[in-house]
Amino acid sequence: MKGKAREEVVAADVRKLHKLGNAQRLLSEMGGFSNFAISFSIILILTGAMLLYGYGLKFAGPMVSILTMIIATSMAEIASPYPIAG
């Protein structure tokens, strides 16, 4: 790749993506405020979930772990079509 032009590298990447069954589509329509709002919301939800996890584990036992694994599996399935990110 050392001697290749940037366009050739990008074209090779696009061909490789198509070969794997993915189309190159990286939309940059999110502005600064939208990015901040989503990031802030995710941080708040994750912080609250981590604080309550011990409480649920203490009183509900293994069912909390099973429910957490089900949710994690669901999220992994949702995120699996997006193996690459810019």
PDB file of N, CA and C in Angstrom:
ATOM      1  N   MET A   1       0.812  -1.195   0.000  1.00  0.00           N
ATOM      2  CA  MET A   1       0.000   0.000   0.000  1.00  0.00           C
ATOM      3  C   MET A   1       0.851   1.252   0.000  1.00  0.00           C
ATOM      4  N   LYS A   2       2.127   1.095   0.166  1.00  0.00           N
ATOM      5  CA  LYS A   2       2.994   2.253   0.307  1.00  0.00           C
ATOM      6  C   LYS A   2       2.981   3.139  -0.939  1.00  0.00           C
ATOM      7  N   GLY A   3       3.028   2.538  -2.127  1.00  0.00           N
ATOM      8  CA  GLY A   3       3.110   3.317  -3.345  1.00  0.00           C
ATOM      9  C   GLY A   3       1.768   3.650  -3.975  1.00  0.00           C
ATOM     10  N   LYS A   4       0.667   3.133  -3.432  1.00  0.00           N
ATOM     11  CA  LYS A   4      -0.644   3.360  -4.021  1.00  0.00           C
ATOM     12  C   LYS A   4      -1.185   4.742  -3.677  1.00  0.00           C
ATOM     13  N   ALA A   5      -1.955   5.255  -4.592  1.00  0.00           N
ATOM     14  CA  ALA A   5      -2.625   6.538  -4.346  1.00  0.00           C
ATOM     15  C   ALA A   5      -3.832   6.299  -3.431  1.00  0.00           C
ATOM     16  N   ARG A   6      -4.264   7.352  -2.790  1.00  0.00           N
ATOM     17  CA  ARG A   6      -5.391   7.253  -1.863  1.00  0.00           C
ATOM     18  C   ARG A   6      -6.641   6.710  -2.549  1.00  0.00           C
ATOM     19  N   GLU A   7      -6.895   7.145  -3.772  1.00  0.00           N
ATOM     20  CA  GLU A   7      -8.086   6.699  -4.506  1.00  0.00           C
ATOM     21  C   GLU A   7      -8.056   5.203  -4.759  1.00  0.00           C
ATOM     22  N   GLU A   8      -6.866   4.679  -5.057  1.00  0.00           N
ATOM     23  CA  GLU A   8      -6.737   3.242  -5.300  1.00  0.00           C
ATOM     24  C   GLU A   8      -7.006   2.449  -4.024  1.00  0.00           C
ATOM     25  N   VAL A   9      -6.549   2.961  -2.900  1.00  0.00           N
ATOM     26  CA  VAL A   9      -6.774   2.286  -1.618  1.00  0.00           C
ATOM     27  C   VAL A   9      -8.256   2.295  -1.274  1.00  0.00           C
ATOM     28  N   VAL A  10      -8.914   3.434  -1.486  1.00  0.00           N
ATOM     29  CA  VAL A  10     -10.347   3.543  -1.213  1.00  0.00           C
ATOM     30  C   VAL A  10     -11.126   2.607  -2.125  1.00  0.00           C
ATOM     31  N   ALA A  11     -10.762   2.556  -3.408  1.00  0.00           N
ATOM     32  CA  ALA A  11     -11.445   1.668  -4.345  1.00  0.00           C
ATOM     33  C   ALA A  11     -11.250   0.204  -3.949  1.00  0.00           C
ATOM     34  N   ALA A  12     -10.066  -0.137  -3.498  1.00  0.00           N
ATOM     35  CA  ALA A  12      -9.809  -1.515  -3.052  1.00  0.00           C
ATOM     36  C   ALA A  12     -10.652  -1.845  -1.823  1.00  0.00           C
ATOM     37  N   ASP A  13     -10.790  -0.883  -0.922  1.00  0.00           N
ATOM     38  CA  ASP A  13     -11.616  -1.095   0.269  1.00  0.00           C
ATOM     39  C   ASP A  13     -13.083  -1.294  -0.109  1.00  0.00           C
ATOM     40  N   VAL A  14     -13.570  -0.505  -1.053  1.00  0.00           N
ATOM     41  CA  VAL A  14     -14.958  -0.632  -1.499  1.00  0.00           C
ATOM     42  C   VAL A  14     -15.182  -1.996  -2.124  1.00  0.00           C
ATOM     43  N   ARG A  15     -14.234  -2.446  -2.955  1.00  0.00           N
ATOM     44  CA  ARG A  15     -14.361  -3.780  -3.573  1.00  0.00           C
ATOM     45  C   ARG A  15     -14.379  -4.869  -2.499  1.00  0.00           C
ATOM     46  N   LYS A  16     -13.538  -4.726  -1.495  1.00  0.00           N
ATOM     47  CA  LYS A  16     -13.488  -5.717  -0.427  1.00  0.00           C
ATOM     48  C   LYS A  16     -14.802  -5.748   0.360  1.00  0.00           C
ATOM     49  N   LEU A  17     -15.363  -4.574   0.624  1.00  0.00           N
ATOM     50  CA  LEU A  17     -16.647  -4.510   1.316  1.00  0.00           C
ATOM     51  C   LEU A  17     -17.750  -5.186   0.518  1.00  0.00           C
ATOM     52  N   HIS A  18     -17.791  -4.933  -0.780  1.00  0.00           N
ATOM     53  CA  HIS A  18     -18.805  -5.544  -1.637  1.00  0.00           C
ATOM     54  C   HIS A  18     -18.620  -7.053  -1.688  1.00  0.00           C
ATOM     55  N   LYS A  19     -17.389  -7.492  -1.665  1.00  0.00           N
ATOM     56  CA  LYS A  19     -17.091  -8.924  -1.664  1.00  0.00           C
ATOM     57  C   LYS A  19     -17.624  -9.593  -0.393  1.00  0.00           C
ATOM     58  N   LEU A  20     -17.562  -8.871   0.725  1.00  0.00           N
ATOM     59  CA  LEU A  20     -18.061  -9.385   1.997  1.00  0.00           C
ATOM     60  C   LEU A  20     -19.574  -9.228   2.138  1.00  0.00           C
ATOM     61  N   GLY A  21     -20.216  -8.589   1.180  1.00  0.00           N
ATOM     62  CA  GLY A  21     -21.661  -8.418   1.222  1.00  0.00           C
ATOM     63  C   GLY A  21     -22.123  -7.130   1.860  1.00  0.00           C
ATOM     64  N   ASN A  22     -21.210  -6.202   2.085  1.00  0.00           N
ATOM     65  CA  ASN A  22     -21.567  -4.906   2.674  1.00  0.00           C
ATOM     66  C   ASN A  22     -21.388  -3.812   1.636  1.00  0.00           C
ATOM     67  N   ALA A  23     -22.275  -2.846   1.696  1.00  0.00           N
ATOM     68  CA  ALA A  23     -22.121  -1.687   0.829  1.00  0.00           C
ATOM     69  C   ALA A  23     -21.515  -0.554   1.638  1.00  0.00           C
ATOM     70  N   GLN A  24     -20.714   0.247   1.006  1.00  0.00           N
ATOM     71  CA  GLN A  24     -20.129   1.380   1.711  1.00  0.00           C
ATOM     72  C   GLN A  24     -21.164   2.483   1.817  1.00  0.00           C
ATOM     73  N   ARG A  25     -21.556   2.763   3.043  1.00  0.00           N
ATOM     74  CA  ARG A  25     -22.518   3.843   3.272  1.00  0.00           C
ATOM     75  C   ARG A  25     -22.214   4.451   4.630  1.00  0.00           C
ATOM     76  N   LEU A  26     -21.535   5.515   4.617  1.00  0.00           N
ATOM     77  CA  LEU A  26     -21.166   6.217   5.836  1.00  0.00           C
ATOM     78  C   LEU A  26     -21.751   7.615   5.734  1.00  0.00           C
ATOM     79  N   LEU A  27     -22.897   7.777   6.347  1.00  0.00           N
ATOM     80  CA  LEU A  27     -23.593   9.054   6.266  1.00  0.00           C
ATOM     81  C   LEU A  27     -23.173   9.940   7.420  1.00  0.00           C
ATOM     82  N   SER A  28     -22.816  11.154   7.118  1.00  0.00           N
ATOM     83  CA  SER A  28     -22.368  12.102   8.139  1.00  0.00           C
ATOM     84  C   SER A  28     -23.376  13.227   8.283  1.00  0.00           C
ATOM     85  N   GLU A  29     -24.588  12.860   8.627  1.00  0.00           N
ATOM     86  CA  GLU A  29     -25.633  13.861   8.746  1.00  0.00           C
ATOM     87  C   GLU A  29     -25.856  14.320  10.178  1.00  0.00           C
ATOM     88  N   MET A  30     -25.123  13.778  11.124  1.00  0.00           N
ATOM     89  CA  MET A  30     -25.320  14.133  12.512  1.00  0.00           C
ATOM     90  C   MET A  30     -24.462  15.339  12.874  1.00  0.00           C
ATOM     91  N   GLY A  31     -25.095  16.331  13.431  1.00  0.00           N
ATOM     92  CA  GLY A  31     -24.373  17.532  13.822  1.00  0.00           C
ATOM     93  C   GLY A  31     -23.770  17.400  15.206  1.00  0.00           C
ATOM     94  N   GLY A  32     -23.129  18.444  15.648  1.00  0.00           N
ATOM     95  CA  GLY A  32     -22.469  18.430  16.945  1.00  0.00           C
ATOM     96  C   GLY A  32     -23.429  18.263  18.105  1.00  0.00           C
ATOM     97  N   PHE A  33     -24.563  18.968  18.067  1.00  0.00           N
ATOM     98  CA  PHE A  33     -25.519  18.873  19.167  1.00  0.00           C
ATOM     99  C   PHE A  33     -26.162  17.501  19.223  1.00  0.00           C
ATOM    100  N   SER A  34     -26.513  16.933  18.076  1.00  0.00           N
ATOM    101  CA  SER A  34     -27.109  15.595  18.042  1.00  0.00           C
ATOM    102  C   SER A  34     -26.141  14.560  18.590  1.00  0.00           C
ATOM    103  N   ASN A  35     -24.892  14.672  18.215  1.00  0.00           N
ATOM    104  CA  ASN A  35     -23.878  13.753  18.706  1.00  0.00           C
ATOM    105  C   ASN A  35     -23.748  13.865  20.224  1.00  0.00           C
ATOM    106  N   PHE A  36     -23.714  15.089  20.725  1.00  0.00           N
ATOM    107  CA  PHE A  36     -23.630  15.307  22.170  1.00  0.00           C
ATOM    108  C   PHE A  36     -24.848  14.731  22.880  1.00  0.00           C
ATOM    109  N   ALA A  37     -26.039  14.961  22.334  1.00  0.00           N
ATOM    110  CA  ALA A  37     -27.266  14.499  22.984  1.00  0.00           C
ATOM    111  C   ALA A  37     -27.304  12.975  23.071  1.00  0.00           C
ATOM    112  N   ILE A  38     -26.950  12.298  21.996  1.00  0.00           N
ATOM    113  CA  ILE A  38     -26.956  10.835  22.009  1.00  0.00           C
ATOM    114  C   ILE A  38     -25.901  10.305  22.970  1.00  0.00           C
ATOM    115  N   SER A  39     -24.709  10.858  22.928  1.00  0.00           N
ATOM    116  CA  SER A  39     -23.637  10.409  23.818  1.00  0.00           C
ATOM    117  C   SER A  39     -24.013  10.626  25.278  1.00  0.00           C
ATOM    118  N   PHE A  40     -24.583  11.768  25.583  1.00  0.00           N
ATOM    119  CA  PHE A  40     -24.980  12.084  26.951  1.00  0.00           C
ATOM    120  C   PHE A  40     -26.056  11.120  27.433  1.00  0.00           C
ATOM    121  N   SER A  41     -27.020  10.809  26.574  1.00  0.00           N
ATOM    122  CA  SER A  41     -28.092   9.881  26.940  1.00  0.00           C
ATOM    123  C   SER A  41     -27.545   8.487  27.214  1.00  0.00           C
ATOM    124  N   ILE A  42     -26.634   8.029  26.376  1.00  0.00           N
ATOM    125  CA  ILE A  42     -26.051   6.700  26.564  1.00  0.00           C
ATOM    126  C   ILE A  42     -25.271   6.640  27.869  1.00  0.00           C
ATOM    127  N   ILE A  43     -24.511   7.669  28.153  1.00  0.00           N
ATOM    128  CA  ILE A  43     -23.722   7.682  29.387  1.00  0.00           C
ATOM    129  C   ILE A  43     -24.643   7.647  30.604  1.00  0.00           C
ATOM    130  N   LEU A  44     -25.723   8.414  30.583  1.00  0.00           N
ATOM    131  CA  LEU A  44     -26.641   8.434  31.721  1.00  0.00           C
ATOM    132  C   LEU A  44     -27.310   7.082  31.922  1.00  0.00           C
ATOM    133  N   ILE A  45     -27.736   6.448  30.842  1.00  0.00           N
ATOM    134  CA  ILE A  45     -28.403   5.145  30.949  1.00  0.00           C
ATOM    135  C   ILE A  45     -27.434   4.096  31.480  1.00  0.00           C
ATOM    136  N   LEU A  46     -26.223   4.060  30.944  1.00  0.00           N
ATOM    137  CA  LEU A  46     -25.255   3.066  31.385  1.00  0.00           C
ATOM    138  C   LEU A  46     -24.838   3.278  32.831  1.00  0.00           C
ATOM    139  N   THR A  47     -24.688   4.525  33.249  1.00  0.00           N
ATOM    140  CA  THR A  47     -24.332   4.802  34.637  1.00  0.00           C
ATOM    141  C   THR A  47     -25.439   4.340  35.572  1.00  0.00           C
ATOM    142  N   GLY A  48     -26.671   4.644  35.235  1.00  0.00           N
ATOM    143  CA  GLY A  48     -27.793   4.198  36.063  1.00  0.00           C
ATOM    144  C   GLY A  48     -27.916   2.690  36.102  1.00  0.00           C
ATOM    145  N   ALA A  49     -27.698   2.037  34.984  1.00  0.00           N
ATOM    146  CA  ALA A  49     -27.794   0.580  34.942  1.00  0.00           C
ATOM    147  C   ALA A  49     -26.707  -0.070  35.793  1.00  0.00           C
ATOM    148  N   MET A  50     -25.508   0.470  35.762  1.00  0.00           N
ATOM    149  CA  MET A  50     -24.421  -0.101  36.560  1.00  0.00           C
ATOM    150  C   MET A  50     -24.664   0.084  38.054  1.00  0.00           C
ATOM    151  N   LEU A  51     -25.253   1.208  38.444  1.00  0.00           N
ATOM    152  CA  LEU A  51     -25.541   1.431  39.852  1.00  0.00           C
ATOM    153  C   LEU A  51     -26.626   0.494  40.364  1.00  0.00           C
ATOM    154  N   LEU A  52     -27.594   0.180  39.523  1.00  0.00           N
ATOM    155  CA  LEU A  52     -28.698  -0.672  39.943  1.00  0.00           C
ATOM    156  C   LEU A  52     -28.413  -2.161  39.765  1.00  0.00           C
ATOM    157  N   TYR A  53     -27.353  -2.514  39.060  1.00  0.00           N
ATOM    158  CA  TYR A  53     -27.060  -3.915  38.793  1.00  0.00           C
ATOM    159  C   TYR A  53     -26.793  -4.679  40.085  1.00  0.00           C
ATOM    160  N   GLY A  54     -25.999  -4.112  40.993  1.00  0.00           N
ATOM    161  CA  GLY A  54     -25.710  -4.766  42.261  1.00  0.00           C
ATOM    162  C   GLY A  54     -26.954  -4.956  43.112  1.00  0.00           C
ATOM    163  N   TYR A  55     -27.822  -3.978  43.116  1.00  0.00           N
ATOM    164  CA  TYR A  55     -29.079  -4.053  43.867  1.00  0.00           C
ATOM    165  C   TYR A  55     -29.947  -5.187  43.327  1.00  0.00           C
ATOM    166  N   GLY A  56     -30.066  -5.259  42.007  1.00  0.00           N
ATOM    167  CA  GLY A  56     -30.863  -6.323  41.398  1.00  0.00           C
ATOM    168  C   GLY A  56     -30.252  -7.692  41.614  1.00  0.00           C
ATOM    169  N   LEU A  57     -28.937  -7.780  41.542  1.00  0.00           N
ATOM    170  CA  LEU A  57     -28.256  -9.058  41.737  1.00  0.00           C
ATOM    171  C   LEU A  57     -28.425  -9.536  43.179  1.00  0.00           C
ATOM    172  N   LYS A  58     -28.435  -8.601  44.104  1.00  0.00           N
ATOM    173  CA  LYS A  58     -28.574  -8.936  45.523  1.00  0.00           C
ATOM    174  C   LYS A  58     -29.963  -9.505  45.831  1.00  0.00           C
ATOM    175  N   PHE A  59     -30.989  -8.929  45.220  1.00  0.00           N
ATOM    176  CA  PHE A  59     -32.344  -9.355  45.544  1.00  0.00           C
ATOM    177  C   PHE A  59     -32.964 -10.319  44.531  1.00  0.00           C
ATOM    178  N   ALA A  60     -32.527 -10.304  43.299  1.00  0.00           N
ATOM    179  CA  ALA A  60     -33.127 -11.175  42.288  1.00  0.00           C
ATOM    180  C   ALA A  60     -32.224 -12.334  41.907  1.00  0.00           C
ATOM    181  N   GLY A  61     -30.960 -12.255  42.255  1.00  0.00           N
ATOM    182  CA  GLY A  61     -30.046 -13.363  42.012  1.00  0.00           C
ATOM    183  C   GLY A  61     -29.716 -13.570  40.550  1.00  0.00           C
ATOM    184  N   PRO A  62     -29.626 -14.819  40.150  1.00  0.00           N
ATOM    185  CA  PRO A  62     -29.182 -15.157  38.793  1.00  0.00           C
ATOM    186  C   PRO A  62     -30.112 -14.669  37.679  1.00  0.00           C
ATOM    187  N   MET A  63     -31.372 -14.399  38.010  1.00  0.00           N
ATOM    188  CA  MET A  63     -32.296 -13.928  36.962  1.00  0.00           C
ATOM    189  C   MET A  63     -31.817 -12.613  36.354  1.00  0.00           C
ATOM    190  N   VAL A  64     -31.177 -11.770  37.153  1.00  0.00           N
ATOM    191  CA  VAL A  64     -30.648 -10.512  36.634  1.00  0.00           C
ATOM    192  C   VAL A  64     -29.546 -10.793  35.621  1.00  0.00           C
ATOM    193  N   SER A  65     -28.690 -11.760  35.935  1.00  0.00           N
ATOM    194  CA  SER A  65     -27.610 -12.111  35.002  1.00  0.00           C
ATOM    195  C   SER A  65     -28.165 -12.674  33.705  1.00  0.00           C
ATOM    196  N   ILE A  66     -29.179 -13.514  33.805  1.00  0.00           N
ATOM    197  CA  ILE A  66     -29.793 -14.094  32.608  1.00  0.00           C
ATOM    198  C   ILE A  66     -30.447 -12.999  31.773  1.00  0.00           C
ATOM    199  N   LEU A  67     -31.177 -12.098  32.417  1.00  0.00           N
ATOM    200  CA  LEU A  67     -31.819 -10.990  31.704  1.00  0.00           C
ATOM    201  C   LEU A  67     -30.768 -10.095  31.046  1.00  0.00           C
ATOM    202  N   THR A  68     -29.672  -9.839  31.750  1.00  0.00           N
ATOM    203  CA  THR A  68     -28.597  -9.024  31.186  1.00  0.00           C
ATOM    204  C   THR A  68     -27.985  -9.689  29.964  1.00  0.00           C
ATOM    205  N   MET A  69     -27.798 -10.999  30.012  1.00  0.00           N
ATOM    206  CA  MET A  69     -27.249 -11.729  28.863  1.00  0.00           C
ATOM    207  C   MET A  69     -28.209 -11.693  27.675  1.00  0.00           C
ATOM    208  N   ILE A  70     -29.505 -11.786  27.942  1.00  0.00           N
ATOM    209  CA  ILE A  70     -30.488 -11.714  26.863  1.00  0.00           C
ATOM    210  C   ILE A  70     -30.438 -10.337  26.202  1.00  0.00           C
ATOM    211  N   ILE A  71     -30.363  -9.290  27.012  1.00  0.00           N
ATOM    212  CA  ILE A  71     -30.288  -7.933  26.472  1.00  0.00           C
ATOM    213  C   ILE A  71     -28.991  -7.736  25.695  1.00  0.00           C
ATOM    214  N   ALA A  72     -27.874  -8.246  26.238  1.00  0.00           N
ATOM    215  CA  ALA A  72     -26.591  -8.115  25.540  1.00  0.00           C
ATOM    216  C   ALA A  72     -26.605  -8.856  24.214  1.00  0.00           C
ATOM    217  N   THR A  73     -27.216 -10.038  24.184  1.00  0.00           N
ATOM    218  CA  THR A  73     -27.318 -10.798  22.940  1.00  0.00           C
ATOM    219  C   THR A  73     -28.166 -10.047  21.917  1.00  0.00           C
ATOM    220  N   SER A  74     -29.260  -9.452  22.379  1.00  0.00           N
ATOM    221  CA  SER A  74     -30.108  -8.667  21.478  1.00  0.00           C
ATOM    222  C   SER A  74     -29.355  -7.479  20.895  1.00  0.00           C
ATOM    223  N   MET A  75     -28.614  -6.777  21.752  1.00  0.00           N
ATOM    224  CA  MET A  75     -27.845  -5.626  21.282  1.00  0.00           C
ATOM    225  C   MET A  75     -26.747  -6.055  20.302  1.00  0.00           C
ATOM    226  N   ALA A  76     -26.135  -7.199  20.558  1.00  0.00           N
ATOM    227  CA  ALA A  76     -25.107  -7.705  19.642  1.00  0.00           C
ATOM    228  C   ALA A  76     -25.715  -8.030  18.288  1.00  0.00           C
ATOM    229  N   GLU A  77     -26.910  -8.587  18.287  1.00  0.00           N
ATOM    230  CA  GLU A  77     -27.576  -8.911  17.023  1.00  0.00           C
ATOM    231  C   GLU A  77     -27.946  -7.645  16.259  1.00  0.00           C
ATOM    232  N   ILE A  78     -28.384  -6.622  16.982  1.00  0.00           N
ATOM    233  CA  ILE A  78     -28.719  -5.352  16.335  1.00  0.00           C
ATOM    234  C   ILE A  78     -27.477  -4.697  15.747  1.00  0.00           C
ATOM    235  N   ALA A  79     -26.355  -4.763  16.465  1.00  0.00           N
ATOM    236  CA  ALA A  79     -25.133  -4.099  16.026  1.00  0.00           C
ATOM    237  C   ALA A  79     -24.333  -4.910  15.004  1.00  0.00           C
ATOM    238  N   SER A  80     -24.658  -6.182  14.816  1.00  0.00           N
ATOM    239  CA  SER A  80     -23.850  -7.026  13.931  1.00  0.00           C
ATOM    240  C   SER A  80     -23.811  -6.584  12.468  1.00  0.00           C
ATOM    241  N   PRO A  81     -24.830  -5.913  11.916  1.00  0.00           N
ATOM    242  CA  PRO A  81     -24.698  -5.472  10.522  1.00  0.00           C
ATOM    243  C   PRO A  81     -23.700  -4.327  10.331  1.00  0.00           C
ATOM    244  N   TYR A  82     -23.193  -3.768  11.411  1.00  0.00           N
ATOM    245  CA  TYR A  82     -22.287  -2.635  11.326  1.00  0.00           C
ATOM    246  C   TYR A  82     -20.892  -3.009  11.827  1.00  0.00           C
ATOM    247  N   PRO A  83     -20.175  -3.866  11.089  1.00  0.00           N
ATOM    248  CA  PRO A  83     -18.852  -4.304  11.582  1.00  0.00           C
ATOM    249  C   PRO A  83     -17.760  -3.270  11.404  1.00  0.00           C
ATOM    250  N   ILE A  84     -18.009  -2.272  10.601  1.00  0.00           N
ATOM    251  CA  ILE A  84     -16.980  -1.264  10.348  1.00  0.00           C
ATOM    252  C   ILE A  84     -17.566   0.114  10.601  1.00  0.00           C
ATOM    253  N   ALA A  85     -16.707   1.016  11.035  1.00  0.00           N
ATOM    254  CA  ALA A  85     -17.176   2.375  11.278  1.00  0.00           C
ATOM    255  C   ALA A  85     -16.062   3.355  10.927  1.00  0.00           C
ATOM    256  N   GLY A  86     -16.105   3.830   9.715  1.00  0.00           N
ATOM    257  CA  GLY A  86     -15.240   4.878   9.244  1.00  0.00           C
ATOM    258  C   GLY A  86     -13.825   4.743   9.579  1.00  0.00           C
TER     259      GLY A  86
END
